[in-house]
Amino acid sequence: ATYNLDEAKAIMTSKGYSESNMLKLTYTYNDNTMHKNV
């Protein structure tokens, strides 16, 4: 698992997503400062 923004954007573009049509997701975490910062 690595960070590769260009590859991520290419995948998302191929799936029909763009700056004007973003994939909306909800990320859930237990509330404390550490988890909030992450």
PDB file of all heavy atoms in Angstrom:
ATOM      1  N   ALA A   1       0.852  -1.189   0.000  1.00  0.00           N
ATOM      2  CA  ALA A   1       0.000   0.000   0.000  1.00  0.00           C
ATOM      3  C   ALA A   1       0.884   1.234   0.000  1.00  0.00           C
ATOM      4  O   ALA A   1       1.714   1.409   0.890  1.00  0.00           O
ATOM      5  CB  ALA A   1      -0.923  -0.001   1.214  1.00  0.00           C
ATOM      6  N   THR A   2       0.726   2.084  -1.016  1.00  0.00           N
ATOM      7  CA  THR A   2       1.552   3.282  -1.149  1.00  0.00           C
ATOM      8  C   THR A   2       0.693   4.467  -1.592  1.00  0.00           C
ATOM      9  O   THR A   2      -0.477   4.306  -1.938  1.00  0.00           O
ATOM     10  CB  THR A   2       2.675   3.070  -2.184  1.00  0.00           C
ATOM     11  OG1 THR A   2       2.086   2.712  -3.445  1.00  0.00           O
ATOM     12  CG2 THR A   2       3.617   1.962  -1.745  1.00  0.00           C
ATOM     13  N   TYR A   3       1.304   5.639  -1.606  1.00  0.00           N
ATOM     14  CA  TYR A   3       0.636   6.859  -2.077  1.00  0.00           C
ATOM     15  C   TYR A   3       1.048   7.125  -3.514  1.00  0.00           C
ATOM     16  O   TYR A   3       2.236   7.193  -3.833  1.00  0.00           O
ATOM     17  CB  TYR A   3       1.044   8.034  -1.192  1.00  0.00           C
ATOM     18  CG  TYR A   3       0.614   9.399  -1.703  1.00  0.00           C
ATOM     19  CD1 TYR A   3      -0.730   9.698  -1.895  1.00  0.00           C
ATOM     20  CD2 TYR A   3       1.553  10.385  -1.969  1.00  0.00           C
ATOM     21  CE1 TYR A   3      -1.133  10.951  -2.343  1.00  0.00           C
ATOM     22  CE2 TYR A   3       1.177  11.645  -2.406  1.00  0.00           C
ATOM     23  CZ  TYR A   3      -0.169  11.924  -2.597  1.00  0.00           C
ATOM     24  OH  TYR A   3      -0.560  13.163  -3.039  1.00  0.00           O
ATOM     25  N   ASN A   4       0.066   7.251  -4.409  1.00  0.00           N
ATOM     26  CA  ASN A   4       0.331   7.574  -5.808  1.00  0.00           C
ATOM     27  C   ASN A   4      -0.879   8.331  -6.341  1.00  0.00           C
ATOM     28  O   ASN A   4      -1.838   7.731  -6.828  1.00  0.00           O
ATOM     29  CB  ASN A   4       0.587   6.309  -6.624  1.00  0.00           C
ATOM     30  CG  ASN A   4       1.090   6.613  -8.031  1.00  0.00           C
ATOM     31  OD1 ASN A   4       0.634   7.569  -8.670  1.00  0.00           O
ATOM     32  ND2 ASN A   4       2.020   5.807  -8.514  1.00  0.00           N
ATOM     33  N   LEU A   5      -0.850   9.645  -6.222  1.00  0.00           N
ATOM     34  CA  LEU A   5      -1.994  10.478  -6.581  1.00  0.00           C
ATOM     35  C   LEU A   5      -2.356  10.345  -8.055  1.00  0.00           C
ATOM     36  O   LEU A   5      -3.539  10.254  -8.408  1.00  0.00           O
ATOM     37  CB  LEU A   5      -1.704  11.938  -6.242  1.00  0.00           C
ATOM     38  CG  LEU A   5      -2.813  12.944  -6.585  1.00  0.00           C
ATOM     39  CD1 LEU A   5      -4.112  12.582  -5.873  1.00  0.00           C
ATOM     40  CD2 LEU A   5      -2.376  14.364  -6.230  1.00  0.00           C
ATOM     41  N   ASP A   6      -1.350  10.328  -8.930  1.00  0.00           N
ATOM     42  CA  ASP A   6      -1.632  10.239 -10.370  1.00  0.00           C
ATOM     43  C   ASP A   6      -2.378   8.947 -10.698  1.00  0.00           C
ATOM     44  O   ASP A   6      -3.331   8.960 -11.486  1.00  0.00           O
ATOM     45  CB  ASP A   6      -0.328  10.308 -11.177  1.00  0.00           C
ATOM     46  CG  ASP A   6       0.306  11.689 -11.131  1.00  0.00           C
ATOM     47  OD1 ASP A   6      -0.418  12.667 -10.843  1.00  0.00           O
ATOM     48  OD2 ASP A   6       1.535  11.792 -11.359  1.00  0.00           O
ATOM     49  N   GLU A   7      -1.946   7.847 -10.111  1.00  0.00           N
ATOM     50  CA  GLU A   7      -2.613   6.570 -10.370  1.00  0.00           C
ATOM     51  C   GLU A   7      -4.022   6.571  -9.789  1.00  0.00           C
ATOM     52  O   GLU A   7      -4.969   6.044 -10.399  1.00  0.00           O
ATOM     53  CB  GLU A   7      -1.795   5.419  -9.784  1.00  0.00           C
ATOM     54  CG  GLU A   7      -2.323   4.045 -10.171  1.00  0.00           C
ATOM     55  CD  GLU A   7      -1.442   2.905  -9.690  1.00  0.00           C
ATOM     56  OE1 GLU A   7      -0.309   3.169  -9.241  1.00  0.00           O
ATOM     57  OE2 GLU A   7      -1.904   1.746  -9.753  1.00  0.00           O
ATOM     58  N   ALA A   8      -4.178   7.162  -8.621  1.00  0.00           N
ATOM     59  CA  ALA A   8      -5.505   7.238  -8.005  1.00  0.00           C
ATOM     60  C   ALA A   8      -6.454   8.042  -8.879  1.00  0.00           C
ATOM     61  O   ALA A   8      -7.615   7.631  -9.102  1.00  0.00           O
ATOM     62  CB  ALA A   8      -5.400   7.871  -6.617  1.00  0.00           C
ATOM     63  N   LYS A   9      -5.992   9.171  -9.381  1.00  0.00           N
ATOM     64  CA  LYS A   9      -6.833  10.016 -10.238  1.00  0.00           C
ATOM     65  C   LYS A   9      -7.188   9.301 -11.541  1.00  0.00           C
ATOM     66  O   LYS A   9      -8.315   9.410 -12.032  1.00  0.00           O
ATOM     67  CB  LYS A   9      -6.126  11.339 -10.529  1.00  0.00           C
ATOM     68  CG  LYS A   9      -6.007  12.244  -9.310  1.00  0.00           C
ATOM     69  CD  LYS A   9      -5.137  13.461  -9.562  1.00  0.00           C
ATOM     70  CE  LYS A   9      -5.778  14.433 -10.523  1.00  0.00           C
ATOM     71  NZ  LYS A   9      -4.977  15.675 -10.646  1.00  0.00           N
ATOM     72  N   ALA A  10      -6.222   8.561 -12.087  1.00  0.00           N
ATOM     73  CA  ALA A  10      -6.475   7.836 -13.338  1.00  0.00           C
ATOM     74  C   ALA A  10      -7.565   6.788 -13.142  1.00  0.00           C
ATOM     75  O   ALA A  10      -8.449   6.616 -13.992  1.00  0.00           O
ATOM     76  CB  ALA A  10      -5.186   7.177 -13.824  1.00  0.00           C
ATOM     77  N   ILE A  11      -7.517   6.081 -12.004  1.00  0.00           N
ATOM     78  CA  ILE A  11      -8.547   5.073 -11.719  1.00  0.00           C
ATOM     79  C   ILE A  11      -9.907   5.749 -11.578  1.00  0.00           C
ATOM     80  O   ILE A  11     -10.913   5.294 -12.158  1.00  0.00           O
ATOM     81  CB  ILE A  11      -8.208   4.290 -10.443  1.00  0.00           C
ATOM     82  CG1 ILE A  11      -6.963   3.430 -10.658  1.00  0.00           C
ATOM     83  CG2 ILE A  11      -9.383   3.417 -10.011  1.00  0.00           C
ATOM     84  CD1 ILE A  11      -6.443   2.762  -9.396  1.00  0.00           C
ATOM     85  N   MET A  12      -9.953   6.816 -10.790  1.00  0.00           N
ATOM     86  CA  MET A  12     -11.216   7.490 -10.547  1.00  0.00           C
ATOM     87  C   MET A  12     -11.792   8.089 -11.829  1.00  0.00           C
ATOM     88  O   MET A  12     -13.010   8.054 -12.061  1.00  0.00           O
ATOM     89  CB  MET A  12     -11.042   8.576  -9.479  1.00  0.00           C
ATOM     90  CG  MET A  12     -10.658   8.041  -8.109  1.00  0.00           C
ATOM     91  SD  MET A  12     -11.883   6.883  -7.444  1.00  0.00           S
ATOM     92  CE  MET A  12     -13.241   8.003  -7.087  1.00  0.00           C
ATOM     93  N   THR A  13     -10.923   8.617 -12.691  1.00  0.00           N
ATOM     94  CA  THR A  13     -11.375   9.154 -13.977  1.00  0.00           C
ATOM     95  C   THR A  13     -11.970   8.055 -14.842  1.00  0.00           C
ATOM     96  O   THR A  13     -13.003   8.238 -15.499  1.00  0.00           O
ATOM     97  CB  THR A  13     -10.211   9.831 -14.713  1.00  0.00           C
ATOM     98  OG1 THR A  13      -9.701  10.904 -13.927  1.00  0.00           O
ATOM     99  CG2 THR A  13     -10.657  10.374 -16.061  1.00  0.00           C
ATOM    100  N   SER A  14     -11.330   6.898 -14.837  1.00  0.00           N
ATOM    101  CA  SER A  14     -11.827   5.766 -15.636  1.00  0.00           C
ATOM    102  C   SER A  14     -13.192   5.276 -15.142  1.00  0.00           C
ATOM    103  O   SER A  14     -13.942   4.642 -15.888  1.00  0.00           O
ATOM    104  CB  SER A  14     -10.821   4.615 -15.609  1.00  0.00           C
ATOM    105  OG  SER A  14     -10.813   3.961 -14.338  1.00  0.00           O
ATOM    106  N   LYS A  15     -13.509   5.570 -13.887  1.00  0.00           N
ATOM    107  CA  LYS A  15     -14.794   5.174 -13.318  1.00  0.00           C
ATOM    108  C   LYS A  15     -15.849   6.272 -13.447  1.00  0.00           C
ATOM    109  O   LYS A  15     -16.968   6.130 -12.956  1.00  0.00           O
ATOM    110  CB  LYS A  15     -14.625   4.817 -11.838  1.00  0.00           C
ATOM    111  CG  LYS A  15     -13.655   3.673 -11.563  1.00  0.00           C
ATOM    112  CD  LYS A  15     -14.174   2.337 -12.082  1.00  0.00           C
ATOM    113  CE  LYS A  15     -13.193   1.216 -11.780  1.00  0.00           C
ATOM    114  NZ  LYS A  15     -13.699  -0.109 -12.250  1.00  0.00           N
ATOM    115  N   GLY A  16     -15.485   7.381 -14.093  1.00  0.00           N
ATOM    116  CA  GLY A  16     -16.448   8.448 -14.341  1.00  0.00           C
ATOM    117  C   GLY A  16     -16.445   9.577 -13.334  1.00  0.00           C
ATOM    118  O   GLY A  16     -17.325  10.440 -13.364  1.00  0.00           O
ATOM    119  N   TYR A  17     -15.447   9.594 -12.454  1.00  0.00           N
ATOM    120  CA  TYR A  17     -15.394  10.643 -11.446  1.00  0.00           C
ATOM    121  C   TYR A  17     -14.464  11.767 -11.891  1.00  0.00           C
ATOM    122  O   TYR A  17     -13.525  11.563 -12.679  1.00  0.00           O
ATOM    123  CB  TYR A  17     -14.940  10.083 -10.109  1.00  0.00           C
ATOM    124  CG  TYR A  17     -15.918   9.072  -9.547  1.00  0.00           C
ATOM    125  CD1 TYR A  17     -15.675   7.706  -9.645  1.00  0.00           C
ATOM    126  CD2 TYR A  17     -17.094   9.500  -8.932  1.00  0.00           C
ATOM    127  CE1 TYR A  17     -16.581   6.779  -9.144  1.00  0.00           C
ATOM    128  CE2 TYR A  17     -18.006   8.584  -8.429  1.00  0.00           C
ATOM    129  CZ  TYR A  17     -17.743   7.224  -8.535  1.00  0.00           C
ATOM    130  OH  TYR A  17     -18.646   6.317  -8.059  1.00  0.00           O
ATOM    131  N   SER A  18     -14.735  12.956 -11.364  1.00  0.00           N
ATOM    132  CA  SER A  18     -13.938  14.129 -11.724  1.00  0.00           C
ATOM    133  C   SER A  18     -14.070  15.163 -10.620  1.00  0.00           C
ATOM    134  O   SER A  18     -14.763  14.937  -9.608  1.00  0.00           O
ATOM    135  CB  SER A  18     -14.433  14.717 -13.046  1.00  0.00           C
ATOM    136  OG  SER A  18     -15.768  15.198 -12.899  1.00  0.00           O
ATOM    137  N   GLU A  19     -13.446  16.305 -10.828  1.00  0.00           N
ATOM    138  CA  GLU A  19     -13.513  17.378  -9.833  1.00  0.00           C
ATOM    139  C   GLU A  19     -14.942  17.861  -9.632  1.00  0.00           C
ATOM    140  O   GLU A  19     -15.320  18.305  -8.553  1.00  0.00           O
ATOM    141  CB  GLU A  19     -12.608  18.537 -10.269  1.00  0.00           C
ATOM    142  CG  GLU A  19     -12.356  19.556  -9.183  1.00  0.00           C
ATOM    143  CD  GLU A  19     -11.272  20.559  -9.558  1.00  0.00           C
ATOM    144  OE1 GLU A  19     -10.599  20.346 -10.588  1.00  0.00           O
ATOM    145  OE2 GLU A  19     -11.106  21.544  -8.817  1.00  0.00           O
ATOM    146  N   SER A  20     -15.747  17.758 -10.685  1.00  0.00           N
ATOM    147  CA  SER A  20     -17.150  18.193 -10.592  1.00  0.00           C
ATOM    148  C   SER A  20     -18.108  17.042 -10.290  1.00  0.00           C
ATOM    149  O   SER A  20     -19.313  17.266 -10.116  1.00  0.00           O
ATOM    150  CB  SER A  20     -17.561  18.875 -11.902  1.00  0.00           C
ATOM    151  OG  SER A  20     -17.427  17.971 -12.996  1.00  0.00           O
ATOM    152  N   ASN A  21     -17.603  15.841 -10.245  1.00  0.00           N
ATOM    153  CA  ASN A  21     -18.430  14.663  -9.951  1.00  0.00           C
ATOM    154  C   ASN A  21     -17.643  13.711  -9.051  1.00  0.00           C
ATOM    155  O   ASN A  21     -17.109  12.704  -9.499  1.00  0.00           O
ATOM    156  CB  ASN A  21     -18.838  13.950 -11.246  1.00  0.00           C
ATOM    157  CG  ASN A  21     -19.685  12.719 -10.978  1.00  0.00           C
ATOM    158  OD1 ASN A  21     -20.535  12.722 -10.085  1.00  0.00           O
ATOM    159  ND2 ASN A  21     -19.462  11.671 -11.744  1.00  0.00           N
ATOM    160  N   MET A  22     -17.588  14.073  -7.788  1.00  0.00           N
ATOM    161  CA  MET A  22     -16.755  13.315  -6.849  1.00  0.00           C
ATOM    162  C   MET A  22     -17.513  12.125  -6.252  1.00  0.00           C
ATOM    163  O   MET A  22     -18.745  12.139  -6.138  1.00  0.00           O
ATOM    164  CB  MET A  22     -16.270  14.221  -5.720  1.00  0.00           C
ATOM    165  CG  MET A  22     -15.267  15.274  -6.145  1.00  0.00           C
ATOM    166  SD  MET A  22     -14.489  16.053  -4.702  1.00  0.00           S
ATOM    167  CE  MET A  22     -13.196  17.009  -5.491  1.00  0.00           C
ATOM    168  N   LEU A  23     -16.749  11.104  -5.869  1.00  0.00           N
ATOM    169  CA  LEU A  23     -17.306   9.981  -5.124  1.00  0.00           C
ATOM    170  C   LEU A  23     -17.470  10.430  -3.672  1.00  0.00           C
ATOM    171  O   LEU A  23     -16.503  10.821  -3.020  1.00  0.00           O
ATOM    172  CB  LEU A  23     -16.372   8.774  -5.189  1.00  0.00           C
ATOM    173  CG  LEU A  23     -16.720   7.591  -4.273  1.00  0.00           C
ATOM    174  CD1 LEU A  23     -18.076   6.996  -4.643  1.00  0.00           C
ATOM    175  CD2 LEU A  23     -15.626   6.531  -4.322  1.00  0.00           C
ATOM    176  N   LYS A  24     -18.684  10.366  -3.172  1.00  0.00           N
ATOM    177  CA  LYS A  24     -18.954  10.808  -1.807  1.00  0.00           C
ATOM    178  C   LYS A  24     -18.920   9.600  -0.864  1.00  0.00           C
ATOM    179  O   LYS A  24     -19.649   8.626  -1.067  1.00  0.00           O
ATOM    180  CB  LYS A  24     -20.310  11.506  -1.724  1.00  0.00           C
ATOM    181  CG  LYS A  24     -20.386  12.783  -2.557  1.00  0.00           C
ATOM    182  CD  LYS A  24     -21.735  13.468  -2.393  1.00  0.00           C
ATOM    183  CE  LYS A  24     -21.836  14.710  -3.267  1.00  0.00           C
ATOM    184  NZ  LYS A  24     -20.862  15.746  -2.884  1.00  0.00           N
ATOM    185  N   LEU A  25     -18.070   9.676   0.157  1.00  0.00           N
ATOM    186  CA  LEU A  25     -17.933   8.612   1.142  1.00  0.00           C
ATOM    187  C   LEU A  25     -17.959   9.194   2.546  1.00  0.00           C
ATOM    188  O   LEU A  25     -17.595  10.358   2.750  1.00  0.00           O
ATOM    189  CB  LEU A  25     -16.611   7.848   0.944  1.00  0.00           C
ATOM    190  CG  LEU A  25     -16.445   7.018  -0.329  1.00  0.00           C
ATOM    191  CD1 LEU A  25     -15.023   6.462  -0.404  1.00  0.00           C
ATOM    192  CD2 LEU A  25     -17.465   5.892  -0.381  1.00  0.00           C
ATOM    193  N   THR A  26     -18.357   8.364   3.509  1.00  0.00           N
ATOM    194  CA  THR A  26     -18.349   8.783   4.910  1.00  0.00           C
ATOM    195  C   THR A  26     -17.325   7.951   5.670  1.00  0.00           C
ATOM    196  O   THR A  26     -17.348   6.718   5.620  1.00  0.00           O
ATOM    197  CB  THR A  26     -19.738   8.608   5.552  1.00  0.00           C
ATOM    198  OG1 THR A  26     -20.676   9.437   4.860  1.00  0.00           O
ATOM    199  CG2 THR A  26     -19.703   9.002   7.028  1.00  0.00           C
ATOM    200  N   TYR A  27     -16.436   8.646   6.370  1.00  0.00           N
ATOM    201  CA  TYR A  27     -15.403   8.001   7.189  1.00  0.00           C
ATOM    202  C   TYR A  27     -15.789   8.150   8.650  1.00  0.00           C
ATOM    203  O   TYR A  27     -15.979   9.260   9.157  1.00  0.00           O
ATOM    204  CB  TYR A  27     -14.038   8.651   6.932  1.00  0.00           C
ATOM    205  CG  TYR A  27     -12.917   8.126   7.796  1.00  0.00           C
ATOM    206  CD1 TYR A  27     -12.408   6.854   7.608  1.00  0.00           C
ATOM    207  CD2 TYR A  27     -12.354   8.925   8.798  1.00  0.00           C
ATOM    208  CE1 TYR A  27     -11.367   6.368   8.386  1.00  0.00           C
ATOM    209  CE2 TYR A  27     -11.308   8.455   9.577  1.00  0.00           C
ATOM    210  CZ  TYR A  27     -10.825   7.179   9.369  1.00  0.00           C
ATOM    211  OH  TYR A  27      -9.787   6.702  10.148  1.00  0.00           O
ATOM    212  N   THR A  28     -15.909   7.024   9.336  1.00  0.00           N
ATOM    213  CA  THR A  28     -16.355   7.018  10.722  1.00  0.00           C
ATOM    214  C   THR A  28     -15.196   6.716  11.664  1.00  0.00           C
ATOM    215  O   THR A  28     -14.386   5.831  11.389  1.00  0.00           O
ATOM    216  CB  THR A  28     -17.462   5.958  10.922  1.00  0.00           C
ATOM    217  OG1 THR A  28     -18.476   6.160   9.928  1.00  0.00           O
ATOM    218  CG2 THR A  28     -18.075   6.078  12.304  1.00  0.00           C
ATOM    219  N   TYR A  29     -15.139   7.446  12.769  1.00  0.00           N
ATOM    220  CA  TYR A  29     -14.093   7.220  13.766  1.00  0.00           C
ATOM    221  C   TYR A  29     -14.609   7.611  15.139  1.00  0.00           C
ATOM    222  O   TYR A  29     -15.593   8.349  15.257  1.00  0.00           O
ATOM    223  CB  TYR A  29     -12.823   8.014  13.428  1.00  0.00           C
ATOM    224  CG  TYR A  29     -13.010   9.513  13.367  1.00  0.00           C
ATOM    225  CD1 TYR A  29     -12.712  10.312  14.478  1.00  0.00           C
ATOM    226  CD2 TYR A  29     -13.482  10.136  12.212  1.00  0.00           C
ATOM    227  CE1 TYR A  29     -12.884  11.687  14.429  1.00  0.00           C
ATOM    228  CE2 TYR A  29     -13.655  11.520  12.157  1.00  0.00           C
ATOM    229  CZ  TYR A  29     -13.356  12.282  13.265  1.00  0.00           C
ATOM    230  OH  TYR A  29     -13.537  13.652  13.222  1.00  0.00           O
ATOM    231  N   ASN A  30     -13.979   7.065  16.191  1.00  0.00           N
ATOM    232  CA  ASN A  30     -14.349   7.470  17.544  1.00  0.00           C
ATOM    233  C   ASN A  30     -13.673   8.793  17.878  1.00  0.00           C
ATOM    234  O   ASN A  30     -12.521   9.033  17.538  1.00  0.00           O
ATOM    235  CB  ASN A  30     -14.006   6.386  18.570  1.00  0.00           C
ATOM    236  CG  ASN A  30     -12.592   5.880  18.463  1.00  0.00           C
ATOM    237  OD1 ASN A  30     -12.119   5.574  17.370  1.00  0.00           O
ATOM    238  ND2 ASN A  30     -11.908   5.770  19.576  1.00  0.00           N
ATOM    239  N   ASP A  31     -14.434   9.636  18.517  1.00  0.00           N
ATOM    240  CA  ASP A  31     -14.059  11.044  18.648  1.00  0.00           C
ATOM    241  C   ASP A  31     -12.947  11.278  19.665  1.00  0.00           C
ATOM    242  O   ASP A  31     -13.159  11.146  20.869  1.00  0.00           O
ATOM    243  CB  ASP A  31     -15.300  11.850  19.050  1.00  0.00           C
ATOM    244  CG  ASP A  31     -15.091  13.346  18.911  1.00  0.00           C
ATOM    245  OD1 ASP A  31     -14.121  13.735  18.258  1.00  0.00           O
ATOM    246  OD2 ASP A  31     -15.910  14.111  19.444  1.00  0.00           O
ATOM    247  N   ASN A  32     -11.752  11.599  19.179  1.00  0.00           N
ATOM    248  CA  ASN A  32     -10.702  12.194  20.007  1.00  0.00           C
ATOM    249  C   ASN A  32      -9.760  12.956  19.087  1.00  0.00           C
ATOM    250  O   ASN A  32      -9.853  12.855  17.858  1.00  0.00           O
ATOM    251  CB  ASN A  32      -9.987  11.159  20.893  1.00  0.00           C
ATOM    252  CG  ASN A  32      -9.010  10.278  20.139  1.00  0.00           C
ATOM    253  OD1 ASN A  32      -8.585  10.583  19.023  1.00  0.00           O
ATOM    254  ND2 ASN A  32      -8.641   9.164  20.743  1.00  0.00           N
ATOM    255  N   THR A  33      -8.875  13.726  19.660  1.00  0.00           N
ATOM    256  CA  THR A  33      -8.040  14.630  18.859  1.00  0.00           C
ATOM    257  C   THR A  33      -7.156  13.881  17.885  1.00  0.00           C
ATOM    258  O   THR A  33      -7.013  14.284  16.717  1.00  0.00           O
ATOM    259  CB  THR A  33      -7.173  15.503  19.794  1.00  0.00           C
ATOM    260  OG1 THR A  33      -8.032  16.249  20.663  1.00  0.00           O
ATOM    261  CG2 THR A  33      -6.319  16.467  18.990  1.00  0.00           C
ATOM    262  N   MET A  34      -6.546  12.793  18.325  1.00  0.00           N
ATOM    263  CA  MET A  34      -5.653  12.019  17.463  1.00  0.00           C
ATOM    264  C   MET A  34      -6.385  11.543  16.214  1.00  0.00           C
ATOM    265  O   MET A  34      -5.927  11.753  15.086  1.00  0.00           O
ATOM    266  CB  MET A  34      -5.100  10.818  18.231  1.00  0.00           C
ATOM    267  CG  MET A  34      -4.347   9.819  17.368  1.00  0.00           C
ATOM    268  SD  MET A  34      -3.946   8.317  18.305  1.00  0.00           S
ATOM    269  CE  MET A  34      -3.158   7.313  17.055  1.00  0.00           C
ATOM    270  N   HIS A  35      -7.544  10.908  16.395  1.00  0.00           N
ATOM    271  CA  HIS A  35      -8.278  10.364  15.256  1.00  0.00           C
ATOM    272  C   HIS A  35      -8.817  11.476  14.356  1.00  0.00           C
ATOM    273  O   HIS A  35      -8.881  11.318  13.128  1.00  0.00           O
ATOM    274  CB  HIS A  35      -9.414   9.473  15.744  1.00  0.00           C
ATOM    275  CG  HIS A  35      -8.968   8.354  16.630  1.00  0.00           C
ATOM    276  ND1 HIS A  35      -7.796   7.653  16.407  1.00  0.00           N
ATOM    277  CD2 HIS A  35      -9.523   7.817  17.743  1.00  0.00           C
ATOM    278  CE1 HIS A  35      -7.662   6.735  17.348  1.00  0.00           C
ATOM    279  NE2 HIS A  35      -8.674   6.821  18.168  1.00  0.00           N
ATOM    280  N   LYS A  36      -9.181  12.589  14.959  1.00  0.00           N
ATOM    281  CA  LYS A  36      -9.667  13.730  14.179  1.00  0.00           C
ATOM    282  C   LYS A  36      -8.563  14.280  13.284  1.00  0.00           C
ATOM    283  O   LYS A  36      -8.788  14.571  12.096  1.00  0.00           O
ATOM    284  CB  LYS A  36     -10.181  14.820  15.107  1.00  0.00           C
ATOM    285  CG  LYS A  36     -10.707  16.061  14.384  1.00  0.00           C
ATOM    286  CD  LYS A  36     -11.180  17.108  15.386  1.00  0.00           C
ATOM    287  CE  LYS A  36     -11.668  18.357  14.665  1.00  0.00           C
ATOM    288  NZ  LYS A  36     -12.123  19.407  15.646  1.00  0.00           N
ATOM    289  N   ASN A  37      -7.359  14.426  13.827  1.00  0.00           N
ATOM    290  CA  ASN A  37      -6.242  14.955  13.039  1.00  0.00           C
ATOM    291  C   ASN A  37      -5.920  14.044  11.852  1.00  0.00           C
ATOM    292  O   ASN A  37      -5.661  14.512  10.740  1.00  0.00           O
ATOM    293  CB  ASN A  37      -5.008  15.120  13.919  1.00  0.00           C
ATOM    294  CG  ASN A  37      -5.159  16.232  14.931  1.00  0.00           C
ATOM    295  OD1 ASN A  37      -6.032  17.091  14.800  1.00  0.00           O
ATOM    296  ND2 ASN A  37      -4.313  16.232  15.954  1.00  0.00           N
ATOM    297  N   VAL A  38      -5.930  12.732  12.103  1.00  0.00           N
ATOM    298  CA  VAL A  38      -5.676  11.766  11.030  1.00  0.00           C
ATOM    299  C   VAL A  38      -6.771  11.862   9.969  1.00  0.00           C
ATOM    300  O   VAL A  38      -6.503  11.888   8.765  1.00  0.00           O
ATOM    301  CB  VAL A  38      -5.599  10.338  11.599  1.00  0.00           C
ATOM    302  CG1 VAL A  38      -5.605   9.301  10.482  1.00  0.00           C
ATOM    303  CG2 VAL A  38      -4.345  10.177  12.450  1.00  0.00           C
TER     304      VAL A  38
END
